[in-house]
């Protein structure tokens, strides 16, 4: 270990490993500190998913053997009476801890150094700007200099939350209102039925079923706001309503994923936050690894340019990361997160009705596989017809319809606002004030569980 590095990264899981590899490829010296041991890194969940398309697009390494693969997805109405089935990008199932170790090796192959069992303590400053980092290793305090510090420490965001109040980075801490409580049940059916061993999604219950390795037949996952107990009640309702074949639970894993907007700015002087430390996850499913690569690839190009010839990466030099990310992905994620906050808060009967009559929950929307939606005038006419009939019969209550449509509109407004992200820090304060107002109006998905 040297006394000085160009880049120090806190956290050696997916985000930290990927950034370490790419910055090393650019010729910069990189140190990654990781509080866990190599054997226990990222062991909160067992099974981890990537699509084949993602691995090829981003040049990610893959092990010789996968747990499983699948390329189909089915979406079901709350009572299971209606199904939308389609193909999806080939999904690869991997053991997460093993895969992260593979990524660690992928980063060190390019020259990055990874120090396991090292816990972040504090940042060092010169002239009020980050100049280094202190961490505990083998019971001692170790200090190294750096020009850029990357917080990839996960939801606790230990580096981001240690910054001075006037450093230009939000320091909020995620609470039970800001995360999804995920419980994975690895199950075995008493008498396996083939159709239950493929990808299933029940959006109303925020529950899904997918393949797994040889230790079980499938993973039945649930997500809920506020607590695991709320998710357990939803799970019991799902089992009661769908009456799946008899099964037993082999093991259970629990964890959380951010369900909160990203920080308004990812960068400041000599600093960048990524992954869960920046609350960057896909709004529709909580996955963050591949989604975060969009930010990281932008950051690698801009940060490496800002650090040329030994230059210090100032807030102004890194600012383009914010603008490019929000144009490419952030605006769409803001739209989705705000829209889903209201769109999914309707009754079980209303969703069953919408599935039955192809209102919103259509084949092209749910199973379009990322392709452009093609809805014919006849389909739009039928949708409007059944919306009116549903409102009149109260099978689709007007209040619930209004909440869904209103949520969609609020999402669009936020998406446009993020697309208009300021090109320089000069207009940032004005932009954040409007963003705050729009997010307050949009609310969060957890609001539904608190009322």
Protein backbone atom coordinates (compact mmCIF):
# COMPACT_ATOMS: atom_id res chain seq x y z
CA UNK A 1 0.00 0.00 0.00
CA UNK A 2 1.31 3.37 -1.06
CA UNK A 3 0.92 6.69 0.72
CA UNK A 4 -0.87 8.38 -2.17
CA UNK A 5 -3.35 7.33 -4.87
CA UNK A 6 -5.20 9.13 -7.60
CA UNK A 7 -8.49 7.52 -6.54
CA UNK A 8 -9.64 5.94 -3.28
CA UNK A 9 -12.92 4.01 -3.36
CA UNK A 10 -14.85 3.06 -0.23
CA UNK A 11 -16.67 -0.23 -0.83
CA UNK A 12 -15.60 -3.15 -3.04
CA UNK A 13 -18.98 -4.52 -4.09
CA UNK A 14 -20.38 -4.08 -7.61
CA UNK A 15 -20.16 -0.28 -7.90
CA UNK A 16 -16.73 -0.04 -6.31
CA UNK A 17 -15.25 -2.91 -8.31
CA UNK A 18 -16.53 -1.59 -11.64
CA UNK A 19 -15.28 1.96 -11.01
CA UNK A 20 -11.92 0.62 -9.83
CA UNK A 21 -11.48 -1.41 -13.00
CA UNK A 22 -12.42 1.41 -15.35
CA UNK A 23 -10.31 4.10 -13.62
CA UNK A 24 -7.36 1.70 -13.57
CA UNK A 25 -7.83 1.15 -17.30
CA UNK A 26 -7.44 4.91 -17.72
CA UNK A 27 -4.03 4.68 -16.06
CA UNK A 28 -4.89 6.03 -12.60
CA UNK A 29 -3.70 4.49 -9.35
CA UNK A 30 -6.67 3.12 -7.40
CA UNK A 31 -7.10 1.87 -3.84
CA UNK A 32 -10.36 0.24 -2.72
CA UNK A 33 -11.04 -0.22 0.99
CA UNK A 34 -13.65 -2.79 2.03
CA UNK A 35 -14.83 -3.38 5.59
CA UNK A 36 -15.79 -7.03 4.98
CA UNK A 37 -13.43 -9.93 4.53
CA UNK A 38 -12.97 -11.26 1.02
CA UNK A 39 -14.88 -14.43 1.96
CA UNK A 40 -17.93 -12.55 3.28
CA UNK A 41 -18.15 -9.67 0.83
CA UNK A 42 -21.71 -8.97 -0.44
CA UNK A 43 -23.13 -12.01 1.31
CA UNK A 44 -26.45 -10.40 2.31
CA UNK A 45 -28.17 -12.21 -0.58
CA UNK A 46 -27.23 -15.45 -2.28
CA UNK A 47 -28.70 -15.22 -5.79
CA UNK A 48 -27.88 -12.26 -8.02
CA UNK A 49 -29.17 -11.44 -11.53
CA UNK A 50 -27.64 -9.90 -14.63
CA UNK A 51 -28.90 -10.00 -18.18
CA UNK A 52 -26.74 -11.34 -20.97
CA UNK A 53 -27.24 -8.03 -22.76
CA UNK A 54 -25.80 -6.09 -19.80
CA UNK A 55 -22.70 -8.26 -19.53
CA UNK A 56 -21.99 -7.86 -23.24
CA UNK A 57 -22.77 -4.13 -23.34
CA UNK A 58 -20.49 -3.30 -20.40
CA UNK A 59 -17.84 -5.99 -20.93
CA UNK A 60 -18.51 -7.63 -17.56
CA UNK A 61 -16.78 -10.92 -16.76
CA UNK A 62 -18.82 -14.08 -16.22
CA UNK A 63 -17.93 -17.33 -14.45
CA UNK A 64 -17.79 -20.60 -16.34
CA UNK A 65 -20.91 -21.92 -14.61
CA UNK A 66 -24.23 -20.17 -13.93
CA UNK A 67 -26.89 -21.09 -11.38
CA UNK A 68 -29.57 -20.79 -14.08
CA UNK A 69 -30.73 -18.75 -17.05
CA UNK A 70 -34.20 -17.81 -18.30
CA UNK A 71 -35.61 -15.62 -21.06
CA UNK A 72 -39.33 -15.32 -20.34
CA UNK A 73 -41.52 -13.37 -17.97
CA UNK A 74 -45.19 -13.60 -17.01
CA UNK A 75 -47.27 -10.95 -15.26
CA UNK A 76 -50.46 -11.98 -13.46
CA UNK A 77 -53.51 -10.20 -12.12
CA UNK A 78 -54.04 -10.25 -8.34
CA UNK A 79 -56.30 -13.32 -8.44
CA UNK A 80 -54.28 -15.00 -11.19
CA UNK A 81 -57.17 -14.95 -13.66
CA UNK A 82 -55.31 -12.98 -16.34
CA UNK A 83 -51.74 -13.39 -17.61
CA UNK A 84 -49.43 -11.38 -19.82
CA UNK A 85 -46.60 -13.55 -21.09
CA UNK A 86 -43.59 -12.55 -23.13
CA UNK A 87 -39.90 -13.01 -23.71
CA UNK A 88 -37.25 -10.94 -21.97
CA UNK A 89 -33.51 -10.50 -22.28
CA UNK A 90 -31.75 -13.67 -21.19
CA UNK A 91 -31.29 -13.40 -17.44
CA UNK A 92 -28.33 -15.08 -15.76
CA UNK A 93 -28.52 -16.21 -12.13
CA UNK A 94 -25.26 -16.08 -10.14
CA UNK A 95 -24.12 -16.47 -6.55
CA UNK A 96 -23.62 -12.84 -5.52
CA UNK A 97 -20.64 -13.16 -3.17
CA UNK A 98 -18.78 -15.35 -5.64
CA UNK A 99 -19.52 -12.93 -8.45
CA UNK A 100 -18.33 -9.89 -6.49
CA UNK A 101 -15.04 -11.69 -5.78
CA UNK A 102 -14.77 -12.27 -9.53
CA UNK A 103 -15.28 -8.52 -10.06
CA UNK A 104 -12.66 -7.80 -7.39
CA UNK A 105 -10.15 -9.90 -9.29
CA UNK A 106 -11.20 -8.24 -12.54
CA UNK A 107 -10.32 -4.86 -10.99
CA UNK A 108 -6.99 -5.97 -9.53
CA UNK A 109 -5.97 -7.52 -12.86
CA UNK A 110 -5.85 -3.96 -14.18
CA UNK A 111 -3.76 -2.72 -11.24
CA UNK A 112 -6.30 -1.63 -8.64
CA UNK A 113 -5.50 -2.54 -5.03
CA UNK A 114 -8.21 -3.86 -2.69
CA UNK A 115 -7.76 -3.83 1.08
CA UNK A 116 -10.23 -6.05 2.94
CA UNK A 117 -11.06 -5.52 6.63
CA UNK A 118 -10.52 -1.76 6.29
CA UNK A 119 -13.20 0.54 7.75
CA UNK A 120 -13.65 4.18 6.75
CA UNK A 121 -13.00 6.70 9.54
CA UNK A 122 -12.90 10.20 8.08
CA UNK A 123 -11.84 12.35 5.16
CA UNK A 124 -8.76 14.57 5.18
CA UNK A 125 -8.95 18.16 3.86
CA UNK A 126 -6.61 20.86 2.59
CA UNK A 127 -7.96 24.34 1.92
CA UNK A 128 -11.45 22.96 2.65
CA UNK A 129 -11.18 20.37 -0.14
CA UNK A 130 -10.80 16.59 0.14
CA UNK A 131 -7.14 15.59 0.04
CA UNK A 132 -7.13 12.11 1.55
CA UNK A 133 -8.85 9.50 3.65
CA UNK A 134 -8.31 7.87 7.03
CA UNK A 135 -9.39 4.30 7.77
CA UNK A 136 -8.91 1.64 10.39
CA UNK A 137 -6.89 -1.41 9.40
CA UNK A 138 -5.57 -4.09 11.76
CA UNK A 139 -6.47 -1.91 14.74
CA UNK A 140 -4.52 1.09 13.47
CA UNK A 141 -5.47 4.37 11.80
CA UNK A 142 -4.05 4.58 8.29
CA UNK A 143 -4.08 7.75 6.19
CA UNK A 144 -3.54 7.96 2.44
CA UNK A 145 -3.71 10.92 0.10
CA UNK A 146 -5.96 11.01 -2.96
CA UNK A 147 -7.35 13.41 -5.52
CA UNK A 148 -10.75 11.73 -5.88
CA UNK A 149 -12.74 9.81 -3.27
CA UNK A 150 -15.66 7.65 -4.45
CA UNK A 151 -18.34 6.61 -1.98
CA UNK A 152 -19.53 3.13 -2.97
CA UNK A 153 -20.24 2.10 0.61
CA UNK A 154 -23.89 1.11 0.12
CA UNK A 155 -27.02 2.44 1.79
CA UNK A 156 -25.20 3.75 4.88
CA UNK A 157 -23.24 6.13 2.62
CA UNK A 158 -20.59 6.52 5.31
CA UNK A 159 -18.44 8.91 3.28
CA UNK A 160 -21.25 11.06 1.89
CA UNK A 161 -22.82 11.47 5.30
CA UNK A 162 -19.48 12.52 6.84
CA UNK A 163 -19.04 15.50 4.50
CA UNK A 164 -19.26 19.07 5.83
CA UNK A 165 -22.72 20.60 5.61
CA UNK A 166 -21.54 23.19 3.09
CA UNK A 167 -19.81 20.73 0.72
CA UNK A 168 -22.65 20.73 -1.80
CA UNK A 169 -23.77 17.13 -1.24
CA UNK A 170 -26.97 16.05 0.53
CA UNK A 171 -26.38 14.11 3.73
CA UNK A 172 -29.80 12.54 4.26
CA UNK A 173 -30.04 9.11 5.87
CA UNK A 174 -32.47 6.52 4.53
CA UNK A 175 -35.25 5.63 6.98
CA UNK A 176 -37.89 2.90 6.95
CA UNK A 177 -39.96 5.18 4.68
CA UNK A 178 -37.18 5.36 2.11
CA UNK A 179 -36.34 1.70 1.53
CA UNK A 180 -38.02 -1.45 0.31
CA UNK A 181 -37.92 -4.37 2.75
CA UNK A 182 -37.16 -7.40 0.62
CA UNK A 183 -37.65 -10.98 1.80
CA UNK A 184 -36.55 -13.91 -0.36
CA UNK A 185 -38.07 -17.30 0.39
CA UNK A 186 -36.24 -20.22 -1.22
CA UNK A 187 -39.01 -22.77 -1.67
CA UNK A 188 -39.49 -26.41 -2.65
CA UNK A 189 -42.80 -27.63 -4.01
CA UNK A 190 -44.19 -30.90 -2.65
CA UNK A 191 -44.96 -31.93 -6.21
CA UNK A 192 -43.29 -29.50 -8.65
CA UNK A 193 -45.48 -28.17 -11.43
CA UNK A 194 -43.47 -26.96 -14.40
CA UNK A 195 -45.39 -23.72 -14.95
CA UNK A 196 -44.51 -22.57 -11.43
CA UNK A 197 -40.77 -22.90 -12.13
CA UNK A 198 -40.50 -19.92 -14.50
CA UNK A 199 -40.45 -16.15 -13.95
CA UNK A 200 -43.70 -14.88 -12.41
CA UNK A 201 -44.63 -11.32 -11.38
CA UNK A 202 -47.61 -10.16 -9.33
CA UNK A 203 -47.31 -6.38 -9.41
CA UNK A 204 -50.17 -5.77 -7.01
CA UNK A 205 -48.41 -7.70 -4.23
CA UNK A 206 -44.93 -6.47 -5.25
CA UNK A 207 -44.07 -10.16 -5.33
CA UNK A 208 -42.23 -12.30 -7.83
CA UNK A 209 -41.12 -15.89 -8.34
CA UNK A 210 -37.98 -16.84 -10.26
CA UNK A 211 -35.67 -19.84 -10.73
CA UNK A 212 -32.80 -20.58 -8.35
CA UNK A 213 -29.98 -23.08 -7.94
CA UNK A 214 -30.22 -26.73 -6.87
CA UNK A 215 -30.85 -25.83 -3.22
CA UNK A 216 -34.54 -25.09 -3.94
CA UNK A 217 -37.11 -25.09 -6.73
CA UNK A 218 -37.66 -21.34 -6.87
CA UNK A 219 -37.27 -18.01 -5.08
CA UNK A 220 -40.48 -16.32 -3.95
CA UNK A 221 -39.60 -12.70 -3.24
CA UNK A 222 -41.68 -9.99 -1.60
CA UNK A 223 -41.08 -6.26 -1.27
CA UNK A 224 -42.82 -3.83 1.05
CA UNK A 225 -42.43 -0.38 2.51
CA UNK A 226 -42.05 0.37 6.24
CA UNK A 227 -41.36 -3.16 7.57
CA UNK A 228 -40.96 -6.86 6.83
CA UNK A 229 -44.16 -7.49 8.80
CA UNK A 230 -46.20 -5.56 6.23
CA UNK A 231 -44.63 -7.66 3.51
CA UNK A 232 -45.51 -10.84 5.42
CA UNK A 233 -49.17 -9.84 5.51
CA UNK A 234 -49.15 -9.16 1.77
CA UNK A 235 -47.48 -12.53 1.21
CA UNK A 236 -50.21 -14.29 3.20
CA UNK A 237 -52.87 -12.55 1.09
CA UNK A 238 -51.12 -13.64 -2.11
CA UNK A 239 -50.99 -17.28 -1.03
CA UNK A 240 -54.64 -17.17 0.01
CA UNK A 241 -55.79 -15.61 -3.26
CA UNK A 242 -53.62 -17.60 -5.68
CA UNK A 243 -53.55 -20.96 -3.90
CA UNK A 244 -50.22 -22.16 -5.33
CA UNK A 245 -49.24 -25.86 -5.15
CA UNK A 246 -48.12 -26.90 -1.63
CA UNK A 247 -44.53 -25.92 -0.85
CA UNK A 248 -42.12 -25.51 2.05
CA UNK A 249 -39.57 -22.77 2.69
CA UNK A 250 -35.97 -24.02 2.67
CA UNK A 251 -34.33 -20.76 3.75
CA UNK A 252 -35.12 -17.06 3.98
CA UNK A 253 -32.98 -13.99 3.25
CA UNK A 254 -33.85 -10.43 4.23
CA UNK A 255 -32.48 -7.08 3.14
CA UNK A 256 -33.39 -3.59 2.00
CA UNK A 257 -32.98 -1.61 -1.19
CA UNK A 258 -33.36 2.18 -1.60
CA UNK A 259 -36.79 3.43 -2.65
CA UNK A 260 -35.86 7.10 -2.64
CA UNK A 261 -34.80 9.65 -5.21
CA UNK A 262 -31.08 9.92 -5.94
CA UNK A 263 -29.07 12.70 -4.37
CA UNK A 264 -29.45 15.90 -6.40
CA UNK A 265 -25.72 16.16 -7.09
CA UNK A 266 -23.39 13.16 -7.24
CA UNK A 267 -20.21 15.26 -7.20
CA UNK A 268 -18.26 17.93 -5.36
CA UNK A 269 -14.60 18.83 -4.99
CA UNK A 270 -12.64 15.58 -5.17
CA UNK A 271 -15.76 13.52 -4.45
CA UNK A 272 -18.37 11.35 -6.15
CA UNK A 273 -21.13 9.10 -4.76
CA UNK A 274 -22.45 6.10 -6.68
CA UNK A 275 -24.68 3.06 -6.27
CA UNK A 276 -26.77 2.69 -3.11
CA UNK A 277 -24.68 5.44 -1.47
CA UNK A 278 -26.38 7.79 -3.93
CA UNK A 279 -29.77 5.96 -3.69
CA UNK A 280 -29.41 4.92 -7.32
CA UNK A 281 -31.63 1.92 -8.05
CA UNK A 282 -34.19 1.02 -10.70
CA UNK A 283 -37.56 2.37 -9.47
CA UNK A 284 -39.56 -0.57 -10.84
CA UNK A 285 -37.61 -3.40 -9.18
CA UNK A 286 -35.00 -1.99 -6.79
CA UNK A 287 -32.03 -3.45 -8.65
CA UNK A 288 -29.10 -1.09 -8.87
CA UNK A 289 -25.98 -2.78 -10.20
CA UNK A 290 -26.37 -2.53 -13.96
CA UNK A 291 -28.37 0.70 -13.68
CA UNK A 292 -25.46 2.29 -11.82
CA UNK A 293 -23.04 1.50 -14.66
CA UNK A 294 -24.70 4.26 -16.71
CA UNK A 295 -23.51 6.77 -14.11
CA UNK A 296 -20.12 5.14 -13.67
CA UNK A 297 -19.24 5.09 -17.37
CA UNK A 298 -20.05 8.80 -17.56
CA UNK A 299 -18.03 9.44 -14.40
CA UNK A 300 -14.99 7.54 -15.66
CA UNK A 301 -14.77 9.61 -18.85
CA UNK A 302 -15.32 12.98 -17.19
CA UNK A 303 -13.26 12.33 -14.04
CA UNK A 304 -10.30 10.97 -16.01
CA UNK A 305 -10.35 14.10 -18.18
CA UNK A 306 -10.61 16.34 -15.09
CA UNK A 307 -7.60 14.61 -13.49
CA UNK A 308 -5.29 14.82 -16.50
CA UNK A 309 -1.70 15.87 -15.85
CA UNK A 310 -2.17 15.68 -12.09
CA UNK A 311 -5.04 18.17 -11.94
CA UNK A 312 -7.41 18.21 -8.98
CA UNK A 313 -11.00 17.26 -9.96
CA UNK A 314 -13.03 20.24 -8.80
CA UNK A 315 -16.79 20.38 -8.43
CA UNK A 316 -17.00 22.44 -11.60
CA UNK A 317 -14.84 19.99 -13.57
CA UNK A 318 -16.96 17.03 -12.44
CA UNK A 319 -20.34 18.75 -12.82
CA UNK A 320 -20.93 17.41 -16.31
CA UNK A 321 -21.40 13.97 -14.70
CA UNK A 322 -24.65 15.23 -13.17
CA UNK A 323 -25.92 16.72 -16.40
CA UNK A 324 -25.11 13.75 -18.64
CA UNK A 325 -26.48 11.18 -16.20
CA UNK A 326 -29.80 12.95 -15.73
CA UNK A 327 -30.19 13.37 -19.47
CA UNK A 328 -29.43 9.71 -20.22
CA UNK A 329 -31.15 7.92 -17.32
CA UNK A 330 -31.91 10.08 -14.30
CA UNK A 331 -34.88 11.87 -15.86
CA UNK A 332 -36.58 8.58 -16.75
CA UNK A 333 -35.91 7.15 -13.28
CA UNK A 334 -37.38 10.26 -11.63
CA UNK A 335 -40.47 9.93 -13.83
CA UNK A 336 -40.85 6.25 -12.93
CA UNK A 337 -40.28 6.70 -9.19
CA UNK A 338 -42.77 9.54 -8.89
CA UNK A 339 -45.32 7.83 -11.13
CA UNK A 340 -45.15 4.52 -9.31
CA UNK A 341 -45.65 6.23 -5.94
CA UNK A 342 -49.32 6.69 -6.86
CA UNK A 343 -49.86 4.32 -9.76
CA UNK A 344 -49.53 1.20 -7.62
CA UNK A 345 -51.78 2.45 -4.83
CA UNK A 346 -55.12 1.03 -5.90
CA UNK A 347 -57.40 -1.75 -4.76
CA UNK A 348 -57.13 -5.39 -5.70
CA UNK A 349 -60.46 -5.26 -7.51
CA UNK A 350 -59.40 -2.28 -9.61
CA UNK A 351 -56.26 -4.02 -10.82
CA UNK A 352 -58.14 -7.23 -11.63
CA UNK A 353 -60.58 -5.14 -13.70
CA UNK A 354 -57.71 -3.39 -15.52
CA UNK A 355 -56.06 -6.70 -16.38
CA UNK A 356 -59.37 -8.08 -17.63
CA UNK A 357 -59.97 -5.17 -19.99
CA UNK A 358 -56.39 -4.33 -21.01
CA UNK A 359 -56.27 -1.00 -19.23
CA UNK A 360 -52.62 0.00 -18.59
CA UNK A 361 -51.65 -3.63 -17.78
CA UNK A 362 -51.38 -4.57 -21.44
CA UNK A 363 -49.20 -7.09 -23.24
CA UNK A 364 -47.14 -4.41 -24.97
CA UNK A 365 -46.55 -2.38 -21.78
CA UNK A 366 -45.69 -5.29 -19.48
CA UNK A 367 -43.94 -7.58 -21.96
CA UNK A 368 -42.55 -5.17 -24.53
CA UNK A 369 -38.98 -6.17 -23.67
CA UNK A 370 -37.77 -2.60 -23.92
CA UNK A 371 -39.14 -2.12 -27.43
CA UNK A 372 -41.28 0.84 -28.42
CA UNK A 373 -44.91 0.51 -27.46
CA UNK A 374 -47.37 0.13 -30.29
CA UNK A 375 -50.96 0.71 -29.22
CA UNK A 376 -53.52 0.86 -32.01
CA UNK A 377 -56.38 3.38 -32.13
CA UNK A 378 -58.80 0.47 -31.58
CA UNK A 379 -56.95 -0.53 -28.39
CA UNK A 380 -57.04 3.05 -27.14
CA UNK A 381 -60.78 3.25 -27.88
CA UNK A 382 -61.46 0.00 -25.97
CA UNK A 383 -59.32 1.19 -23.09
CA UNK A 384 -61.26 4.45 -22.80
CA UNK A 385 -64.56 2.57 -23.17
CA UNK A 386 -63.79 0.21 -20.28
CA UNK A 387 -62.40 3.02 -18.15
CA UNK A 388 -65.75 4.80 -18.43
CA UNK A 389 -67.69 1.59 -17.77
CA UNK A 390 -65.47 0.80 -14.78
CA UNK A 391 -65.96 4.22 -13.25
CA UNK A 392 -69.75 4.01 -13.71
CA UNK A 393 -69.92 0.51 -12.21
CA UNK A 394 -67.36 1.45 -9.52
CA UNK A 395 -65.21 -1.55 -10.50
CA UNK A 396 -62.60 1.09 -11.28
CA UNK A 397 -63.31 3.77 -8.66
CA UNK A 398 -62.92 7.33 -9.92
CA UNK A 399 -60.77 8.26 -6.91
CA UNK A 400 -58.30 5.45 -7.61
CA UNK A 401 -58.20 6.26 -11.31
CA UNK A 402 -57.56 9.90 -10.46
CA UNK A 403 -54.67 8.94 -8.15
CA UNK A 404 -53.06 6.83 -10.87
CA UNK A 405 -53.42 9.44 -13.59
CA UNK A 406 -52.33 12.21 -11.24
CA UNK A 407 -49.26 10.22 -10.24
CA UNK A 408 -48.36 9.73 -13.88
CA UNK A 409 -48.65 13.47 -14.52
CA UNK A 410 -46.46 14.29 -11.53
CA UNK A 411 -43.92 11.79 -12.78
CA UNK A 412 -43.84 13.47 -16.21
CA UNK A 413 -43.28 16.87 -14.59
CA UNK A 414 -40.34 15.53 -12.59
CA UNK A 415 -38.91 13.77 -15.61
CA UNK A 416 -38.95 17.01 -17.59
CA UNK A 417 -37.38 18.88 -14.66
CA UNK A 418 -34.52 16.36 -14.41
CA UNK A 419 -34.01 16.48 -18.18
CA UNK A 420 -33.53 20.24 -17.76
CA UNK A 421 -30.80 19.73 -15.12
CA UNK A 422 -28.49 22.79 -14.99
CA UNK A 423 -25.31 22.67 -17.07
CA UNK A 424 -23.31 24.43 -14.35
CA UNK A 425 -23.56 24.75 -10.55
CA UNK A 426 -24.70 28.38 -10.91
CA UNK A 427 -28.38 27.51 -11.36
CA UNK A 428 -28.32 24.48 -9.04
CA UNK A 429 -29.96 26.08 -5.98
CA UNK A 430 -32.90 27.30 -8.04
CA UNK A 431 -33.25 23.86 -9.68
CA UNK A 432 -33.22 22.03 -6.32
CA UNK A 433 -35.91 24.27 -4.84
CA UNK A 434 -38.28 23.38 -7.66
CA UNK A 435 -37.30 19.71 -7.44
CA UNK A 436 -38.14 19.74 -3.72
CA UNK A 437 -41.61 21.13 -4.46
CA UNK A 438 -42.27 18.54 -7.18
CA UNK A 439 -41.16 15.62 -4.99
CA UNK A 440 -43.33 16.81 -2.08
CA UNK A 441 -46.35 16.81 -4.40
CA UNK A 442 -45.48 13.40 -5.82
CA UNK A 443 -44.99 11.77 -2.41
CA UNK A 444 -43.54 8.30 -1.87
CA UNK A 445 -44.89 4.78 -2.14
CA UNK A 446 -44.52 4.45 1.63
CA UNK A 447 -47.18 7.16 2.11
CA UNK A 448 -49.80 4.58 1.15
CA UNK A 449 -48.67 2.25 3.96
CA UNK A 450 -48.61 5.05 6.53
CA UNK A 451 -52.20 6.20 5.85
